[in-house]
């Protein structure tokens, strides 16, 4: 995985995002089944995380990236 990139993974038949930042692993569970449309949605969700890592604005609590209830 290239530095600063977020991978889309399938875990327990659901999509999640996985990446490393400052030597620590992170996962963000999308909770959607693995379909082409849902992979596109996961990719869109990954973009702001990648941008934040590149710009030094990454939120390691992940609050910024989780859906608001």
PDB file of N, CA and C in Angstrom:
ATOM      1  N   UNK A   1       0.864  -1.179   0.000  1.00  0.00           N
ATOM      2  CA  UNK A   1       0.000   0.000   0.000  1.00  0.00           C
ATOM      3  C   UNK A   1       0.904   1.233   0.000  1.00  0.00           C
ATOM      4  N   UNK A   2       0.724   2.125  -0.971  1.00  0.00           N
ATOM      5  CA  UNK A   2       1.530   3.339  -1.003  1.00  0.00           C
ATOM      6  C   UNK A   2       1.279   4.208   0.227  1.00  0.00           C
ATOM      7  N   UNK A   3       2.305   4.930   0.639  1.00  0.00           N
ATOM      8  CA  UNK A   3       2.175   5.780   1.817  1.00  0.00           C
ATOM      9  C   UNK A   3       1.066   6.808   1.596  1.00  0.00           C
ATOM     10  N   UNK A   4       0.200   6.965   2.599  1.00  0.00           N
ATOM     11  CA  UNK A   4      -0.884   7.936   2.520  1.00  0.00           C
ATOM     12  C   UNK A   4      -2.097   7.477   1.753  1.00  0.00           C
ATOM     13  N   UNK A   5      -2.154   6.189   1.403  1.00  0.00           N
ATOM     14  CA  UNK A   5      -3.319   5.708   0.661  1.00  0.00           C
ATOM     15  C   UNK A   5      -4.217   4.869   1.561  1.00  0.00           C
ATOM     16  N   UNK A   6      -5.490   4.916   1.256  1.00  0.00           N
ATOM     17  CA  UNK A   6      -6.504   4.185   2.003  1.00  0.00           C
ATOM     18  C   UNK A   6      -6.987   3.029   1.131  1.00  0.00           C
ATOM     19  N   UNK A   7      -6.933   1.821   1.653  1.00  0.00           N
ATOM     20  CA  UNK A   7      -7.387   0.633   0.923  1.00  0.00           C
ATOM     21  C   UNK A   7      -8.817   0.294   1.298  1.00  0.00           C
ATOM     22  N   UNK A   8      -9.533  -0.251   0.338  1.00  0.00           N
ATOM     23  CA  UNK A   8     -10.874  -0.780   0.586  1.00  0.00           C
ATOM     24  C   UNK A   8     -10.720  -2.284   0.774  1.00  0.00           C
ATOM     25  N   UNK A   9     -11.222  -2.790   1.890  1.00  0.00           N
ATOM     26  CA  UNK A   9     -11.131  -4.215   2.205  1.00  0.00           C
ATOM     27  C   UNK A   9     -12.522  -4.772   2.466  1.00  0.00           C
ATOM     28  N   UNK A  10     -12.630  -6.097   2.330  1.00  0.00           N
ATOM     29  CA  UNK A  10     -13.855  -6.795   2.707  1.00  0.00           C
ATOM     30  C   UNK A  10     -13.560  -7.527   4.009  1.00  0.00           C
ATOM     31  N   UNK A  11     -14.365  -7.260   5.017  1.00  0.00           N
ATOM     32  CA  UNK A  11     -14.207  -7.897   6.318  1.00  0.00           C
ATOM     33  C   UNK A  11     -15.585  -8.354   6.770  1.00  0.00           C
ATOM     34  N   UNK A  12     -15.719  -9.648   7.005  1.00  0.00           N
ATOM     35  CA  UNK A  12     -17.001 -10.248   7.392  1.00  0.00           C
ATOM     36  C   UNK A  12     -18.118  -9.833   6.425  1.00  0.00           C
ATOM     37  N   UNK A  13     -17.791  -9.911   5.127  1.00  0.00           N
ATOM     38  CA  UNK A  13     -18.718  -9.639   4.027  1.00  0.00           C
ATOM     39  C   UNK A  13     -19.165  -8.185   3.938  1.00  0.00           C
ATOM     40  N   UNK A  14     -18.485  -7.293   4.635  1.00  0.00           N
ATOM     41  CA  UNK A  14     -18.795  -5.854   4.603  1.00  0.00           C
ATOM     42  C   UNK A  14     -17.536  -5.074   4.257  1.00  0.00           C
ATOM     43  N   UNK A  15     -17.723  -3.877   3.721  1.00  0.00           N
ATOM     44  CA  UNK A  15     -16.585  -3.049   3.342  1.00  0.00           C
ATOM     45  C   UNK A  15     -16.046  -2.267   4.529  1.00  0.00           C
ATOM     46  N   UNK A  16     -14.730  -2.104   4.528  1.00  0.00           N
ATOM     47  CA  UNK A  16     -14.076  -1.239   5.498  1.00  0.00           C
ATOM     48  C   UNK A  16     -12.898  -0.568   4.801  1.00  0.00           C
ATOM     49  N   UNK A  17     -12.479   0.558   5.339  1.00  0.00           N
ATOM     50  CA  UNK A  17     -11.291   1.251   4.862  1.00  0.00           C
ATOM     51  C   UNK A  17     -10.153   0.924   5.819  1.00  0.00           C
ATOM     52  N   UNK A  18      -8.965   0.757   5.280  1.00  0.00           N
ATOM     53  CA  UNK A  18      -7.788   0.444   6.109  1.00  0.00           C
ATOM     54  C   UNK A  18      -6.605   1.263   5.614  1.00  0.00           C
ATOM     55  N   UNK A  19      -5.821   1.786   6.574  1.00  0.00           N
ATOM     56  CA  UNK A  19      -4.637   2.559   6.228  1.00  0.00           C
ATOM     57  C   UNK A  19      -3.719   2.661   7.434  1.00  0.00           C
ATOM     58  N   UNK A  20      -2.516   3.129   7.184  1.00  0.00           N
ATOM     59  CA  UNK A  20      -1.545   3.386   8.245  1.00  0.00           C
ATOM     60  C   UNK A  20      -1.222   4.876   8.245  1.00  0.00           C
ATOM     61  N   UNK A  21      -0.982   5.393   9.436  1.00  0.00           N
ATOM     62  CA  UNK A  21      -0.589   6.788   9.603  1.00  0.00           C
ATOM     63  C   UNK A  21       0.318   6.877  10.824  1.00  0.00           C
ATOM     64  N   UNK A  22       1.479   7.434  10.619  1.00  0.00           N
ATOM     65  CA  UNK A  22       2.477   7.567  11.680  1.00  0.00           C
ATOM     66  C   UNK A  22       2.719   6.234  12.396  1.00  0.00           C
ATOM     67  N   UNK A  23       2.808   5.160  11.612  1.00  0.00           N
ATOM     68  CA  UNK A  23       3.119   3.847  12.147  1.00  0.00           C
ATOM     69  C   UNK A  23       1.977   3.123  12.830  1.00  0.00           C
ATOM     70  N   UNK A  24       0.784   3.684  12.795  1.00  0.00           N
ATOM     71  CA  UNK A  24      -0.373   3.069  13.441  1.00  0.00           C
ATOM     72  C   UNK A  24      -1.395   2.671  12.380  1.00  0.00           C
ATOM     73  N   UNK A  25      -2.038   1.514  12.591  1.00  0.00           N
ATOM     74  CA  UNK A  25      -3.074   1.037  11.662  1.00  0.00           C
ATOM     75  C   UNK A  25      -4.432   1.597  12.067  1.00  0.00           C
ATOM     76  N   UNK A  26      -5.223   1.930  11.054  1.00  0.00           N
ATOM     77  CA  UNK A  26      -6.575   2.439  11.274  1.00  0.00           C
ATOM     78  C   UNK A  26      -7.545   1.690  10.379  1.00  0.00           C
ATOM     79  N   UNK A  27      -8.755   1.527  10.883  1.00  0.00           N
ATOM     80  CA  UNK A  27      -9.841   0.934  10.104  1.00  0.00           C
ATOM     81  C   UNK A  27     -11.091   1.773  10.307  1.00  0.00           C
ATOM     82  N   UNK A  28     -11.825   1.961   9.238  1.00  0.00           N
ATOM     83  CA  UNK A  28     -13.122   2.635   9.310  1.00  0.00           C
ATOM     84  C   UNK A  28     -14.118   1.709   8.635  1.00  0.00           C
ATOM     85  N   UNK A  29     -15.072   1.230   9.410  1.00  0.00           N
ATOM     86  CA  UNK A  29     -16.041   0.270   8.905  1.00  0.00           C
ATOM     87  C   UNK A  29     -17.157   1.015   8.184  1.00  0.00           C
ATOM     88  N   UNK A  30     -17.347   0.660   6.910  1.00  0.00           N
ATOM     89  CA  UNK A  30     -18.382   1.275   6.087  1.00  0.00           C
ATOM     90  C   UNK A  30     -19.712   0.562   6.339  1.00  0.00           C
ATOM     91  N   UNK A  31     -19.658  -0.748   6.539  1.00  0.00           N
ATOM     92  CA  UNK A  31     -20.858  -1.511   6.871  1.00  0.00           C
ATOM     93  C   UNK A  31     -21.723  -1.881   5.688  1.00  0.00           C
ATOM     94  N   UNK A  32     -21.258  -1.602   4.473  1.00  0.00           N
ATOM     95  CA  UNK A  32     -22.037  -1.917   3.281  1.00  0.00           C
ATOM     96  C   UNK A  32     -21.540  -3.222   2.664  1.00  0.00           C
ATOM     97  N   UNK A  33     -22.443  -3.984   2.009  1.00  0.00           N
ATOM     98  CA  UNK A  33     -21.996  -5.197   1.329  1.00  0.00           C
ATOM     99  C   UNK A  33     -21.057  -4.853   0.169  1.00  0.00           C
ATOM    100  N   UNK A  34     -20.281  -5.823  -0.255  1.00  0.00           N
ATOM    101  CA  UNK A  34     -19.296  -5.630  -1.322  1.00  0.00           C
ATOM    102  C   UNK A  34     -19.972  -5.670  -2.691  1.00  0.00           C
ATOM    103  N   UNK A  35     -20.334  -4.488  -3.198  1.00  0.00           N
ATOM    104  CA  UNK A  35     -20.872  -4.355  -4.556  1.00  0.00           C
ATOM    105  C   UNK A  35     -20.076  -3.262  -5.263  1.00  0.00           C
ATOM    106  N   UNK A  36     -20.224  -3.175  -6.560  1.00  0.00           N
ATOM    107  CA  UNK A  36     -19.515  -2.148  -7.331  1.00  0.00           C
ATOM    108  C   UNK A  36     -19.919  -0.755  -6.857  1.00  0.00           C
ATOM    109  N   UNK A  37     -21.205  -0.529  -6.667  1.00  0.00           N
ATOM    110  CA  UNK A  37     -21.694   0.792  -6.228  1.00  0.00           C
ATOM    111  C   UNK A  37     -21.180   1.131  -4.826  1.00  0.00           C
ATOM    112  N   UNK A  38     -21.175   0.155  -3.942  1.00  0.00           N
ATOM    113  CA  UNK A  38     -20.713   0.408  -2.578  1.00  0.00           C
ATOM    114  C   UNK A  38     -19.203   0.619  -2.522  1.00  0.00           C
ATOM    115  N   UNK A  39     -18.457  -0.040  -3.421  1.00  0.00           N
ATOM    116  CA  UNK A  39     -17.021   0.217  -3.496  1.00  0.00           C
ATOM    117  C   UNK A  39     -16.762   1.652  -3.946  1.00  0.00           C
ATOM    118  N   UNK A  40     -17.580   2.149  -4.854  1.00  0.00           N
ATOM    119  CA  UNK A  40     -17.460   3.544  -5.298  1.00  0.00           C
ATOM    120  C   UNK A  40     -17.726   4.473  -4.115  1.00  0.00           C
ATOM    121  N   UNK A  41     -18.767   4.178  -3.335  1.00  0.00           N
ATOM    122  CA  UNK A  41     -19.086   4.989  -2.154  1.00  0.00           C
ATOM    123  C   UNK A  41     -17.933   4.943  -1.151  1.00  0.00           C
ATOM    124  N   UNK A  42     -17.328   3.786  -0.964  1.00  0.00           N
ATOM    125  CA  UNK A  42     -16.193   3.657  -0.047  1.00  0.00           C
ATOM    126  C   UNK A  42     -15.004   4.459  -0.555  1.00  0.00           C
ATOM    127  N   UNK A  43     -14.796   4.459  -1.857  1.00  0.00           N
ATOM    128  CA  UNK A  43     -13.711   5.230  -2.452  1.00  0.00           C
ATOM    129  C   UNK A  43     -13.905   6.726  -2.221  1.00  0.00           C
ATOM    130  N   UNK A  44     -15.129   7.184  -2.354  1.00  0.00           N
ATOM    131  CA  UNK A  44     -15.447   8.597  -2.089  1.00  0.00           C
ATOM    132  C   UNK A  44     -15.193   8.921  -0.620  1.00  0.00           C
ATOM    133  N   UNK A  45     -15.510   7.993   0.262  1.00  0.00           N
ATOM    134  CA  UNK A  45     -15.272   8.171   1.703  1.00  0.00           C
ATOM    135  C   UNK A  45     -13.771   8.204   2.024  1.00  0.00           C
ATOM    136  N   UNK A  46     -12.970   7.482   1.243  1.00  0.00           N
ATOM    137  CA  UNK A  46     -11.526   7.408   1.472  1.00  0.00           C
ATOM    138  C   UNK A  46     -10.813   8.707   1.079  1.00  0.00           C
ATOM    139  N   UNK A  47     -11.331   9.412   0.090  1.00  0.00           N
ATOM    140  CA  UNK A  47     -10.648  10.601  -0.439  1.00  0.00           C
ATOM    141  C   UNK A  47     -10.336  11.659   0.610  1.00  0.00           C
ATOM    142  N   UNK A  48     -11.302  12.078   1.459  1.00  0.00           N
ATOM    143  CA  UNK A  48     -10.963  13.095   2.453  1.00  0.00           C
ATOM    144  C   UNK A  48      -9.928  12.627   3.481  1.00  0.00           C
ATOM    145  N   UNK A  49      -9.904  11.326   3.762  1.00  0.00           N
ATOM    146  CA  UNK A  49      -8.909  10.801   4.698  1.00  0.00           C
ATOM    147  C   UNK A  49      -7.523  10.940   4.080  1.00  0.00           C
ATOM    148  N   UNK A  50      -7.398  10.563   2.801  1.00  0.00           N
ATOM    149  CA  UNK A  50      -6.121  10.677   2.107  1.00  0.00           C
ATOM    150  C   UNK A  50      -5.673  12.134   2.022  1.00  0.00           C
ATOM    151  N   UNK A  51      -6.604  13.030   1.709  1.00  0.00           N
ATOM    152  CA  UNK A  51      -6.272  14.453   1.626  1.00  0.00           C
ATOM    153  C   UNK A  51      -5.824  14.994   2.980  1.00  0.00           C
ATOM    154  N   UNK A  52      -6.505  14.592   4.039  1.00  0.00           N
ATOM    155  CA  UNK A  52      -6.136  15.059   5.378  1.00  0.00           C
ATOM    156  C   UNK A  52      -4.759  14.548   5.790  1.00  0.00           C
ATOM    157  N   UNK A  53      -4.439  13.301   5.436  1.00  0.00           N
ATOM    158  CA  UNK A  53      -3.105  12.784   5.756  1.00  0.00           C
ATOM    159  C   UNK A  53      -2.042  13.577   4.997  1.00  0.00           C
ATOM    160  N   UNK A  54      -2.304  13.864   3.725  1.00  0.00           N
ATOM    161  CA  UNK A  54      -1.335  14.579   2.894  1.00  0.00           C
ATOM    162  C   UNK A  54      -1.134  16.018   3.372  1.00  0.00           C
ATOM    163  N   UNK A  55      -2.194  16.636   3.905  1.00  0.00           N
ATOM    164  CA  UNK A  55      -2.123  18.046   4.307  1.00  0.00           C
ATOM    165  C   UNK A  55      -1.812  18.244   5.782  1.00  0.00           C
ATOM    166  N   UNK A  56      -1.691  17.121   6.528  1.00  0.00           N
ATOM    167  CA  UNK A  56      -1.381  17.227   7.949  1.00  0.00           C
ATOM    168  C   UNK A  56      -2.576  17.525   8.828  1.00  0.00           C
ATOM    169  N   UNK A  57      -3.783  17.298   8.309  1.00  0.00           N
ATOM    170  CA  UNK A  57      -5.015  17.566   9.059  1.00  0.00           C
ATOM    171  C   UNK A  57      -5.762  16.300   9.460  1.00  0.00           C
ATOM    172  N   UNK A  58      -5.068  15.170   9.467  1.00  0.00           N
ATOM    173  CA  UNK A  58      -5.710  13.892   9.781  1.00  0.00           C
ATOM    174  C   UNK A  58      -6.203  13.876  11.228  1.00  0.00           C
ATOM    175  N   UNK A  59      -7.418  13.349  11.427  1.00  0.00           N
ATOM    176  CA  UNK A  59      -8.026  13.228  12.753  1.00  0.00           C
ATOM    177  C   UNK A  59      -7.914  11.773  13.215  1.00  0.00           C
ATOM    178  N   UNK A  60      -6.902  11.448  14.065  1.00  0.00           N
ATOM    179  CA  UNK A  60      -6.724  10.051  14.470  1.00  0.00           C
ATOM    180  C   UNK A  60      -7.859   9.495  15.322  1.00  0.00           C
ATOM    181  N   UNK A  61      -8.751  10.344  15.834  1.00  0.00           N
ATOM    182  CA  UNK A  61      -9.922   9.839  16.563  1.00  0.00           C
ATOM    183  C   UNK A  61     -10.972   9.287  15.598  1.00  0.00           C
ATOM    184  N   UNK A  62     -10.852   9.631  14.322  1.00  0.00           N
ATOM    185  CA  UNK A  62     -11.757   9.227  13.223  1.00  0.00           C
ATOM    186  C   UNK A  62     -13.139   9.853  13.320  1.00  0.00           C
ATOM    187  N   UNK A  63     -13.397  10.688  14.311  1.00  0.00           N
ATOM    188  CA  UNK A  63     -14.704  11.319  14.473  1.00  0.00           C
ATOM    189  C   UNK A  63     -15.092  12.085  13.213  1.00  0.00           C
ATOM    190  N   UNK A  64     -14.119  12.760  12.640  1.00  0.00           N
ATOM    191  CA  UNK A  64     -14.349  13.579  11.444  1.00  0.00           C
ATOM    192  C   UNK A  64     -14.860  12.745  10.258  1.00  0.00           C
ATOM    193  N   UNK A  65     -14.516  11.480  10.231  1.00  0.00           N
ATOM    194  CA  UNK A  65     -14.812  10.628   9.067  1.00  0.00           C
ATOM    195  C   UNK A  65     -16.005   9.708   9.260  1.00  0.00           C
ATOM    196  N   UNK A  66     -16.473   9.578  10.480  1.00  0.00           N
ATOM    197  CA  UNK A  66     -17.611   8.705  10.753  1.00  0.00           C
ATOM    198  C   UNK A  66     -18.905   9.439  10.401  1.00  0.00           C
ATOM    199  N   UNK A  67     -19.917   8.690   9.952  1.00  0.00           N
ATOM    200  CA  UNK A  67     -21.196   9.332   9.627  1.00  0.00           C
ATOM    201  C   UNK A  67     -21.815   9.994  10.868  1.00  0.00           C
ATOM    202  N   UNK A  68     -22.362  11.151  10.674  1.00  0.00           N
ATOM    203  CA  UNK A  68     -23.021  11.852  11.774  1.00  0.00           C
ATOM    204  C   UNK A  68     -24.414  11.266  11.962  1.00  0.00           C
ATOM    205  N   UNK A  69     -24.787  11.020  13.211  1.00  0.00           N
ATOM    206  CA  UNK A  69     -26.094  10.410  13.498  1.00  0.00           C
ATOM    207  C   UNK A  69     -27.160  11.481  13.653  1.00  0.00           C
TER     208      UNK A  69
END
